[in-house]
Amino acid sequence: MAAYGLLAKTATLVVHGVVGAATYDLVRKAAAKAPLRESAVSAAELGLRGTRKAEEAAESARLKLADVMAEARERIGEEVPTPAIGDTHDHDH
């Protein structure tokens, strides 16, 4: 009787092992066929596009705020500073 119980447990373990191995092989084959590189490139593209849009929105907001501040300074009689053009290098290369 004990041998039948041991045989049943062993058979169960073997069946689970075979099913697990077959599942693993199917998942591995499906993953090999999946366009992982395309997905990664698409995700990076969306991230870059989002970053560009955020940069554009931030620049637009900065310019609008600068216009408001310039008009407010004009109204109170202050001289409005000229906008900065860019970085200037004070050293020789």
PDB file of N, CA and C in Angstrom:
ATOM      1  N   MET A   1       0.819  -1.185   0.000  1.00  0.00           N
ATOM      2  CA  MET A   1       0.000   0.000   0.000  1.00  0.00           C
ATOM      3  C   MET A   1       0.867   1.255   0.000  1.00  0.00           C
ATOM      4  N   ALA A   2       1.927   1.231   0.763  1.00  0.00           N
ATOM      5  CA  ALA A   2       2.819   2.380   0.812  1.00  0.00           C
ATOM      6  C   ALA A   2       3.499   2.574  -0.536  1.00  0.00           C
ATOM      7  N   ALA A   3       3.737   1.481  -1.240  1.00  0.00           N
ATOM      8  CA  ALA A   3       4.380   1.567  -2.544  1.00  0.00           C
ATOM      9  C   ALA A   3       3.469   2.266  -3.546  1.00  0.00           C
ATOM     10  N   TYR A   4       2.156   2.031  -3.445  1.00  0.00           N
ATOM     11  CA  TYR A   4       1.219   2.689  -4.350  1.00  0.00           C
ATOM     12  C   TYR A   4       1.194   4.204  -4.100  1.00  0.00           C
ATOM     13  N   GLY A   5       1.250   4.587  -2.847  1.00  0.00           N
ATOM     14  CA  GLY A   5       1.283   6.021  -2.510  1.00  0.00           C
ATOM     15  C   GLY A   5       2.542   6.680  -3.044  1.00  0.00           C
ATOM     16  N   LEU A   6       3.678   5.988  -2.885  1.00  0.00           N
ATOM     17  CA  LEU A   6       4.945   6.508  -3.385  1.00  0.00           C
ATOM     18  C   LEU A   6       4.931   6.568  -4.908  1.00  0.00           C
ATOM     19  N   LEU A   7       4.353   5.545  -5.539  1.00  0.00           N
ATOM     20  CA  LEU A   7       4.253   5.520  -6.996  1.00  0.00           C
ATOM     21  C   LEU A   7       3.352   6.652  -7.500  1.00  0.00           C
ATOM     22  N   ALA A   8       2.263   6.922  -6.787  1.00  0.00           N
ATOM     23  CA  ALA A   8       1.340   7.995  -7.181  1.00  0.00           C
ATOM     24  C   ALA A   8       2.032   9.355  -7.064  1.00  0.00           C
ATOM     25  N   LYS A   9       2.785   9.559  -5.975  1.00  0.00           N
ATOM     26  CA  LYS A   9       3.501  10.832  -5.799  1.00  0.00           C
ATOM     27  C   LYS A   9       4.579  11.001  -6.865  1.00  0.00           C
ATOM     28  N   THR A  10       5.254   9.923  -7.179  1.00  0.00           N
ATOM     29  CA  THR A  10       6.300   9.981  -8.201  1.00  0.00           C
ATOM     30  C   THR A  10       5.691  10.288  -9.564  1.00  0.00           C
ATOM     31  N   ALA A  11       4.569   9.646  -9.882  1.00  0.00           N
ATOM     32  CA  ALA A  11       3.896   9.889 -11.164  1.00  0.00           C
ATOM     33  C   ALA A  11       3.423  11.346 -11.249  1.00  0.00           C
ATOM     34  N   THR A  12       2.914  11.866 -10.150  1.00  0.00           N
ATOM     35  CA  THR A  12       2.475  13.261 -10.117  1.00  0.00           C
ATOM     36  C   THR A  12       3.646  14.206 -10.367  1.00  0.00           C
ATOM     37  N   LEU A  13       4.774  13.928  -9.725  1.00  0.00           N
ATOM     38  CA  LEU A  13       5.962  14.763  -9.926  1.00  0.00           C
ATOM     39  C   LEU A  13       6.451  14.705 -11.370  1.00  0.00           C
ATOM     40  N   VAL A  14       6.411  13.535 -11.965  1.00  0.00           N
ATOM     41  CA  VAL A  14       6.855  13.385 -13.351  1.00  0.00           C
ATOM     42  C   VAL A  14       5.925  14.165 -14.290  1.00  0.00           C
ATOM     43  N   VAL A  15       4.625  14.045 -14.085  1.00  0.00           N
ATOM     44  CA  VAL A  15       3.662  14.759 -14.930  1.00  0.00           C
ATOM     45  C   VAL A  15       3.861  16.266 -14.790  1.00  0.00           C
ATOM     46  N   HIS A  16       4.017  16.741 -13.561  1.00  0.00           N
ATOM     47  CA  HIS A  16       4.238  18.173 -13.342  1.00  0.00           C
ATOM     48  C   HIS A  16       5.543  18.633 -14.014  1.00  0.00           C
ATOM     49  N   GLY A  17       6.550  17.821 -13.935  1.00  0.00           N
ATOM     50  CA  GLY A  17       7.824  18.158 -14.566  1.00  0.00           C
ATOM     51  C   GLY A  17       7.711  18.243 -16.071  1.00  0.00           C
ATOM     52  N   VAL A  18       7.000  17.295 -16.677  1.00  0.00           N
ATOM     53  CA  VAL A  18       6.823  17.292 -18.125  1.00  0.00           C
ATOM     54  C   VAL A  18       5.995  18.507 -18.563  1.00  0.00           C
ATOM     55  N   VAL A  19       4.927  18.777 -17.846  1.00  0.00           N
ATOM     56  CA  VAL A  19       4.093  19.935 -18.179  1.00  0.00           C
ATOM     57  C   VAL A  19       4.903  21.223 -18.005  1.00  0.00           C
ATOM     58  N   GLY A  20       5.673  21.316 -16.938  1.00  0.00           N
ATOM     59  CA  GLY A  20       6.503  22.498 -16.706  1.00  0.00           C
ATOM     60  C   GLY A  20       7.544  22.691 -17.793  1.00  0.00           C
ATOM     61  N   ALA A  21       8.181  21.608 -18.203  1.00  0.00           N
ATOM     62  CA  ALA A  21       9.192  21.696 -19.263  1.00  0.00           C
ATOM     63  C   ALA A  21       8.560  22.100 -20.586  1.00  0.00           C
ATOM     64  N   ALA A  22       7.395  21.535 -20.891  1.00  0.00           N
ATOM     65  CA  ALA A  22       6.713  21.898 -22.137  1.00  0.00           C
ATOM     66  C   ALA A  22       6.297  23.365 -22.111  1.00  0.00           C
ATOM     67  N   THR A  23       5.797  23.831 -20.996  1.00  0.00           N
ATOM     68  CA  THR A  23       5.410  25.237 -20.862  1.00  0.00           C
ATOM     69  C   THR A  23       6.611  26.142 -21.016  1.00  0.00           C
ATOM     70  N   TYR A  24       7.707  25.770 -20.396  1.00  0.00           N
ATOM     71  CA  TYR A  24       8.944  26.552 -20.496  1.00  0.00           C
ATOM     72  C   TYR A  24       9.403  26.653 -21.952  1.00  0.00           C
ATOM     73  N   ASP A  25       9.365  25.537 -22.664  1.00  0.00           N
ATOM     74  CA  ASP A  25       9.777  25.544 -24.068  1.00  0.00           C
ATOM     75  C   ASP A  25       8.868  26.437 -24.916  1.00  0.00           C
ATOM     76  N   LEU A  26       7.557  26.385 -24.669  1.00  0.00           N
ATOM     77  CA  LEU A  26       6.625  27.229 -25.416  1.00  0.00           C
ATOM     78  C   LEU A  26       6.876  28.706 -25.138  1.00  0.00           C
ATOM     79  N   VAL A  27       7.069  29.048 -23.897  1.00  0.00           N
ATOM     80  CA  VAL A  27       7.324  30.449 -23.536  1.00  0.00           C
ATOM     81  C   VAL A  27       8.646  30.916 -24.133  1.00  0.00           C
ATOM     82  N   ARG A  28       9.650  30.070 -24.100  1.00  0.00           N
ATOM     83  CA  ARG A  28      10.960  30.430 -24.653  1.00  0.00           C
ATOM     84  C   ARG A  28      10.867  30.657 -26.160  1.00  0.00           C
ATOM     85  N   LYS A  29      10.139  29.792 -26.857  1.00  0.00           N
ATOM     86  CA  LYS A  29       9.974  29.953 -28.304  1.00  0.00           C
ATOM     87  C   LYS A  29       9.161  31.205 -28.626  1.00  0.00           C
ATOM     88  N   ALA A  30       8.123  31.474 -27.842  1.00  0.00           N
ATOM     89  CA  ALA A  30       7.312  32.673 -28.067  1.00  0.00           C
ATOM     90  C   ALA A  30       8.132  33.933 -27.805  1.00  0.00           C
ATOM     91  N   ALA A  31       8.975  33.908 -26.785  1.00  0.00           N
ATOM     92  CA  ALA A  31       9.812  35.072 -26.474  1.00  0.00           C
ATOM     93  C   ALA A  31      10.856  35.300 -27.562  1.00  0.00           C
ATOM     94  N   ALA A  32      11.341  34.217 -28.160  1.00  0.00           N
ATOM     95  CA  ALA A  32      12.326  34.358 -29.229  1.00  0.00           C
ATOM     96  C   ALA A  32      11.696  34.997 -30.465  1.00  0.00           C
ATOM     97  N   LYS A  33      10.427  34.738 -30.700  1.00  0.00           N
ATOM     98  CA  LYS A  33       9.737  35.291 -31.864  1.00  0.00           C
ATOM     99  C   LYS A  33       9.215  36.707 -31.607  1.00  0.00           C
ATOM    100  N   ALA A  34       9.103  37.093 -30.361  1.00  0.00           N
ATOM    101  CA  ALA A  34       8.547  38.405 -30.023  1.00  0.00           C
ATOM    102  C   ALA A  34       9.480  39.511 -30.492  1.00  0.00           C
ATOM    103  N   PRO A  35       8.923  40.592 -31.000  1.00  0.00           N
ATOM    104  CA  PRO A  35       9.736  41.716 -31.480  1.00  0.00           C
ATOM    105  C   PRO A  35      10.212  42.592 -30.314  1.00  0.00           C
ATOM    106  N   LEU A  36      11.088  42.068 -29.489  1.00  0.00           N
ATOM    107  CA  LEU A  36      11.536  42.810 -28.311  1.00  0.00           C
ATOM    108  C   LEU A  36      12.295  44.067 -28.695  1.00  0.00           C
ATOM    109  N   ARG A  37      13.128  43.974 -29.712  1.00  0.00           N
ATOM    110  CA  ARG A  37      13.904  45.150 -30.116  1.00  0.00           C
ATOM    111  C   ARG A  37      12.985  46.244 -30.635  1.00  0.00           C
ATOM    112  N   GLU A  38      12.013  45.865 -31.449  1.00  0.00           N
ATOM    113  CA  GLU A  38      11.070  46.852 -31.969  1.00  0.00           C
ATOM    114  C   GLU A  38      10.293  47.508 -30.834  1.00  0.00           C
ATOM    115  N   SER A  39       9.904  46.706 -29.857  1.00  0.00           N
ATOM    116  CA  SER A  39       9.176  47.251 -28.718  1.00  0.00           C
ATOM    117  C   SER A  39      10.042  48.231 -27.929  1.00  0.00           C
ATOM    118  N   ALA A  40      11.298  47.872 -27.729  1.00  0.00           N
ATOM    119  CA  ALA A  40      12.208  48.751 -26.998  1.00  0.00           C
ATOM    120  C   ALA A  40      12.447  50.045 -27.757  1.00  0.00           C
ATOM    121  N   VAL A  41      12.615  49.961 -29.069  1.00  0.00           N
ATOM    122  CA  VAL A  41      12.827  51.162 -29.880  1.00  0.00           C
ATOM    123  C   VAL A  41      11.580  52.041 -29.855  1.00  0.00           C
ATOM    124  N   SER A  42      10.411  51.436 -29.946  1.00  0.00           N
ATOM    125  CA  SER A  42       9.165  52.206 -29.902  1.00  0.00           C
ATOM    126  C   SER A  42       8.993  52.907 -28.560  1.00  0.00           C
ATOM    127  N   ALA A  43       9.326  52.204 -27.496  1.00  0.00           N
ATOM    128  CA  ALA A  43       9.222  52.818 -26.167  1.00  0.00           C
ATOM    129  C   ALA A  43      10.195  53.980 -26.027  1.00  0.00           C
ATOM    130  N   ALA A  44      11.405  53.818 -26.535  1.00  0.00           N
ATOM    131  CA  ALA A  44      12.387  54.903 -26.482  1.00  0.00           C
ATOM    132  C   ALA A  44      11.923  56.084 -27.332  1.00  0.00           C
ATOM    133  N   GLU A  45      11.350  55.785 -28.492  1.00  0.00           N
ATOM    134  CA  GLU A  45      10.836  56.848 -29.365  1.00  0.00           C
ATOM    135  C   GLU A  45       9.746  57.649 -28.664  1.00  0.00           C
ATOM    136  N   LEU A  46       8.813  56.954 -28.029  1.00  0.00           N
ATOM    137  CA  LEU A  46       7.745  57.651 -27.310  1.00  0.00           C
ATOM    138  C   LEU A  46       8.312  58.492 -26.171  1.00  0.00           C
ATOM    139  N   GLY A  47       9.312  57.968 -25.492  1.00  0.00           N
ATOM    140  CA  GLY A  47       9.947  58.729 -24.415  1.00  0.00           C
ATOM    141  C   GLY A  47      10.610  59.991 -24.933  1.00  0.00           C
ATOM    142  N   LEU A  48      11.303  59.869 -26.072  1.00  0.00           N
ATOM    143  CA  LEU A  48      11.952  61.047 -26.661  1.00  0.00           C
ATOM    144  C   LEU A  48      10.930  62.074 -27.139  1.00  0.00           C
ATOM    145  N   ARG A  49       9.856  61.597 -27.746  1.00  0.00           N
ATOM    146  CA  ARG A  49       8.816  62.525 -28.201  1.00  0.00           C
ATOM    147  C   ARG A  49       8.183  63.248 -27.012  1.00  0.00           C
ATOM    148  N   GLY A  50       7.932  62.517 -25.944  1.00  0.00           N
ATOM    149  CA  GLY A  50       7.371  63.135 -24.742  1.00  0.00           C
ATOM    150  C   GLY A  50       8.309  64.172 -24.148  1.00  0.00           C
ATOM    151  N   THR A  51       9.603  63.849 -24.136  1.00  0.00           N
ATOM    152  CA  THR A  51      10.588  64.789 -23.619  1.00  0.00           C
ATOM    153  C   THR A  51      10.625  66.046 -24.468  1.00  0.00           C
ATOM    154  N   ARG A  52      10.585  65.892 -25.789  1.00  0.00           N
ATOM    155  CA  ARG A  52      10.601  67.051 -26.683  1.00  0.00           C
ATOM    156  C   ARG A  52       9.382  67.942 -26.442  1.00  0.00           C
ATOM    157  N   LYS A  53       8.217  67.315 -26.311  1.00  0.00           N
ATOM    158  CA  LYS A  53       7.000  68.088 -26.063  1.00  0.00           C
ATOM    159  C   LYS A  53       7.086  68.829 -24.732  1.00  0.00           C
ATOM    160  N   ALA A  54       7.618  68.172 -23.716  1.00  0.00           N
ATOM    161  CA  ALA A  54       7.757  68.814 -22.410  1.00  0.00           C
ATOM    162  C   ALA A  54       8.729  69.985 -22.488  1.00  0.00           C
ATOM    163  N   GLU A  55       9.828  69.821 -23.237  1.00  0.00           N
ATOM    164  CA  GLU A  55      10.786  70.914 -23.407  1.00  0.00           C
ATOM    165  C   GLU A  55      10.139  72.092 -24.139  1.00  0.00           C
ATOM    166  N   GLU A  56       9.357  71.800 -25.170  1.00  0.00           N
ATOM    167  CA  GLU A  56       8.678  72.864 -25.907  1.00  0.00           C
ATOM    168  C   GLU A  56       7.691  73.605 -25.009  1.00  0.00           C
ATOM    169  N   ALA A  57       6.946  72.855 -24.214  1.00  0.00           N
ATOM    170  CA  ALA A  57       5.980  73.480 -23.314  1.00  0.00           C
ATOM    171  C   ALA A  57       6.688  74.335 -22.266  1.00  0.00           C
ATOM    172  N   ALA A  58       7.793  73.850 -21.740  1.00  0.00           N
ATOM    173  CA  ALA A  58       8.537  74.618 -20.741  1.00  0.00           C
ATOM    174  C   ALA A  58       9.107  75.894 -21.346  1.00  0.00           C
ATOM    175  N   GLU A  59       9.628  75.825 -22.568  1.00  0.00           N
ATOM    176  CA  GLU A  59      10.173  77.012 -23.231  1.00  0.00           C
ATOM    177  C   GLU A  59       9.068  78.021 -23.514  1.00  0.00           C
ATOM    178  N   SER A  60       7.917  77.535 -23.956  1.00  0.00           N
ATOM    179  CA  SER A  60       6.790  78.414 -24.215  1.00  0.00           C
ATOM    180  C   SER A  60       6.347  79.122 -22.939  1.00  0.00           C
ATOM    181  N   ALA A  61       6.264  78.371 -21.851  1.00  0.00           N
ATOM    182  CA  ALA A  61       5.876  78.961 -20.571  1.00  0.00           C
ATOM    183  C   ALA A  61       6.904  79.988 -20.110  1.00  0.00           C
ATOM    184  N   ARG A  62       8.185  79.696 -20.315  1.00  0.00           N
ATOM    185  CA  ARG A  62       9.234  80.630 -19.915  1.00  0.00           C
ATOM    186  C   ARG A  62       9.131  81.928 -20.705  1.00  0.00           C
ATOM    187  N   LEU A  63       8.886  81.817 -22.013  1.00  0.00           N
ATOM    188  CA  LEU A  63       8.758  83.004 -22.845  1.00  0.00           C
ATOM    189  C   LEU A  63       7.532  83.837 -22.474  1.00  0.00           C
ATOM    190  N   LYS A  64       6.429  83.163 -22.190  1.00  0.00           N
ATOM    191  CA  LYS A  64       5.217  83.887 -21.785  1.00  0.00           C
ATOM    192  C   LYS A  64       5.439  84.621 -20.463  1.00  0.00           C
ATOM    193  N   LEU A  65       6.103  83.966 -19.541  1.00  0.00           N
ATOM    194  CA  LEU A  65       6.389  84.599 -18.251  1.00  0.00           C
ATOM    195  C   LEU A  65       7.339  85.778 -18.434  1.00  0.00           C
ATOM    196  N   ALA A  66       8.322  85.634 -19.305  1.00  0.00           N
ATOM    197  CA  ALA A  66       9.251  86.736 -19.574  1.00  0.00           C
ATOM    198  C   ALA A  66       8.512  87.920 -20.179  1.00  0.00           C
ATOM    199  N   ASP A  67       7.549  87.669 -21.070  1.00  0.00           N
ATOM    200  CA  ASP A  67       6.756  88.756 -21.648  1.00  0.00           C
ATOM    201  C   ASP A  67       5.936  89.474 -20.577  1.00  0.00           C
ATOM    202  N   VAL A  68       5.328  88.719 -19.697  1.00  0.00           N
ATOM    203  CA  VAL A  68       4.531  89.301 -18.620  1.00  0.00           C
ATOM    204  C   VAL A  68       5.416  90.154 -17.715  1.00  0.00           C
ATOM    205  N   MET A  69       6.578  89.625 -17.352  1.00  0.00           N
ATOM    206  CA  MET A  69       7.489  90.365 -16.479  1.00  0.00           C
ATOM    207  C   MET A  69       7.990  91.641 -17.165  1.00  0.00           C
ATOM    208  N   ALA A  70       8.284  91.557 -18.461  1.00  0.00           N
ATOM    209  CA  ALA A  70       8.752  92.735 -19.191  1.00  0.00           C
ATOM    210  C   ALA A  70       7.676  93.813 -19.232  1.00  0.00           C
ATOM    211  N   GLU A  71       6.441  93.405 -19.487  1.00  0.00           N
ATOM    212  CA  GLU A  71       5.351  94.385 -19.513  1.00  0.00           C
ATOM    213  C   GLU A  71       5.130  94.994 -18.144  1.00  0.00           C
ATOM    214  N   ALA A  72       5.211  94.180 -17.094  1.00  0.00           N
ATOM    215  CA  ALA A  72       5.048  94.703 -15.736  1.00  0.00           C
ATOM    216  C   ALA A  72       6.161  95.699 -15.397  1.00  0.00           C
ATOM    217  N   ARG A  73       7.383  95.419 -15.800  1.00  0.00           N
ATOM    218  CA  ARG A  73       8.491  96.352 -15.538  1.00  0.00           C
ATOM    219  C   ARG A  73       8.297  97.661 -16.300  1.00  0.00           C
ATOM    220  N   GLU A  74       7.805  97.546 -17.541  1.00  0.00           N
ATOM    221  CA  GLU A  74       7.544  98.760 -18.310  1.00  0.00           C
ATOM    222  C   GLU A  74       6.489  99.619 -17.631  1.00  0.00           C
ATOM    223  N   ARG A  75       5.465  98.991 -17.090  1.00  0.00           N
ATOM    224  CA  ARG A  75       4.377  99.733 -16.446  1.00  0.00           C
ATOM    225  C   ARG A  75       4.849 100.488 -15.208  1.00  0.00           C
ATOM    226  N   ILE A  76       5.804  99.921 -14.487  1.00  0.00           N
ATOM    227  CA  ILE A  76       6.280 100.632 -13.292  1.00  0.00           C
ATOM    228  C   ILE A  76       7.475 101.523 -13.598  1.00  0.00           C
ATOM    229  N   GLY A  77       7.892 101.564 -14.841  1.00  0.00           N
ATOM    230  CA  GLY A  77       8.935 102.479 -15.238  1.00  0.00           C
ATOM    231  C   GLY A  77      10.341 101.925 -15.178  1.00  0.00           C
ATOM    232  N   GLU A  78      10.501 100.658 -14.928  1.00  0.00           N
ATOM    233  CA  GLU A  78      11.849 100.077 -14.934  1.00  0.00           C
ATOM    234  C   GLU A  78      12.295  99.824 -16.358  1.00  0.00           C
ATOM    235  N   GLU A  79      13.601  99.821 -16.530  1.00  0.00           N
ATOM    236  CA  GLU A  79      14.145  99.492 -17.832  1.00  0.00           C
ATOM    237  C   GLU A  79      14.168  97.966 -17.967  1.00  0.00           C
ATOM    238  N   VAL A  80      13.673  97.476 -19.079  1.00  0.00           N
ATOM    239  CA  VAL A  80      13.595  96.033 -19.303  1.00  0.00           C
ATOM    240  C   VAL A  80      14.945  95.551 -19.829  1.00  0.00           C
ATOM    241  N   PRO A  81      15.535  94.532 -19.163  1.00  0.00           N
ATOM    242  CA  PRO A  81      16.810  94.017 -19.655  1.00  0.00           C
ATOM    243  C   PRO A  81      16.621  93.270 -20.979  1.00  0.00           C
ATOM    244  N   THR A  82      17.648  93.304 -21.796  1.00  0.00           N
ATOM    245  CA  THR A  82      17.574  92.575 -23.062  1.00  0.00           C
ATOM    246  C   THR A  82      17.652  91.078 -22.791  1.00  0.00           C
ATOM    247  N   PRO A  83      16.967  90.297 -23.604  1.00  0.00           N
ATOM    248  CA  PRO A  83      17.002  88.845 -23.378  1.00  0.00           C
ATOM    249  C   PRO A  83      18.387  88.278 -23.649  1.00  0.00           C
ATOM    250  N   ALA A  84      18.714  87.244 -22.893  1.00  0.00           N
ATOM    251  CA  ALA A  84      19.997  86.569 -23.073  1.00  0.00           C
ATOM    252  C   ALA A  84      19.954  85.765 -24.362  1.00  0.00           C
ATOM    253  N   ILE A  85      21.037  85.823 -25.116  1.00  0.00           N
ATOM    254  CA  ILE A  85      21.080  85.127 -26.400  1.00  0.00           C
ATOM    255  C   ILE A  85      21.591  83.706 -26.228  1.00  0.00           C
ATOM    256  N   GLY A  86      22.594  83.518 -25.431  1.00  0.00           N
ATOM    257  CA  GLY A  86      23.136  82.185 -25.257  1.00  0.00           C
ATOM    258  C   GLY A  86      24.378  82.235 -24.399  1.00  0.00           C
ATOM    259  N   ASP A  87      25.042  81.112 -24.293  1.00  0.00           N
ATOM    260  CA  ASP A  87      26.271  81.040 -23.510  1.00  0.00           C
ATOM    261  C   ASP A  87      27.412  81.678 -24.285  1.00  0.00           C
ATOM    262  N   THR A  88      28.178  82.472 -23.598  1.00  0.00           N
ATOM    263  CA  THR A  88      29.376  83.047 -24.206  1.00  0.00           C
ATOM    264  C   THR A  88      30.572  82.497 -23.472  1.00  0.00           C
ATOM    265  N   HIS A  89      31.601  82.198 -24.218  1.00  0.00           N
ATOM    266  CA  HIS A  89      32.830  81.661 -23.626  1.00  0.00           C
ATOM    267  C   HIS A  89      33.796  82.808 -23.374  1.00  0.00           C
ATOM    268  N   ASP A  90      34.280  82.910 -22.154  1.00  0.00           N
ATOM    269  CA  ASP A  90      35.235  83.947 -21.803  1.00  0.00           C
ATOM    270  C   ASP A  90      36.667  83.448 -21.851  1.00  0.00           C
ATOM    271  N   HIS A  91      36.857  82.252 -22.333  1.00  0.00           N
ATOM    272  CA  HIS A  91      38.203  81.692 -22.348  1.00  0.00           C
ATOM    273  C   HIS A  91      38.566  81.232 -23.759  1.00  0.00           C
ATOM    274  N   ASP A  92      39.891  81.121 -23.983  1.00  0.00           N
ATOM    275  CA  ASP A  92      40.372  80.682 -25.294  1.00  0.00           C
ATOM    276  C   ASP A  92      40.479  79.160 -25.336  1.00  0.00           C
ATOM    277  N   HIS A  93      40.282  78.640 -26.508  1.00  0.00           N
ATOM    278  CA  HIS A  93      40.416  77.187 -26.682  1.00  0.00           C
ATOM    279  C   HIS A  93      41.751  76.857 -27.269  1.00  0.00           C
TER     280      HIS A  93
END
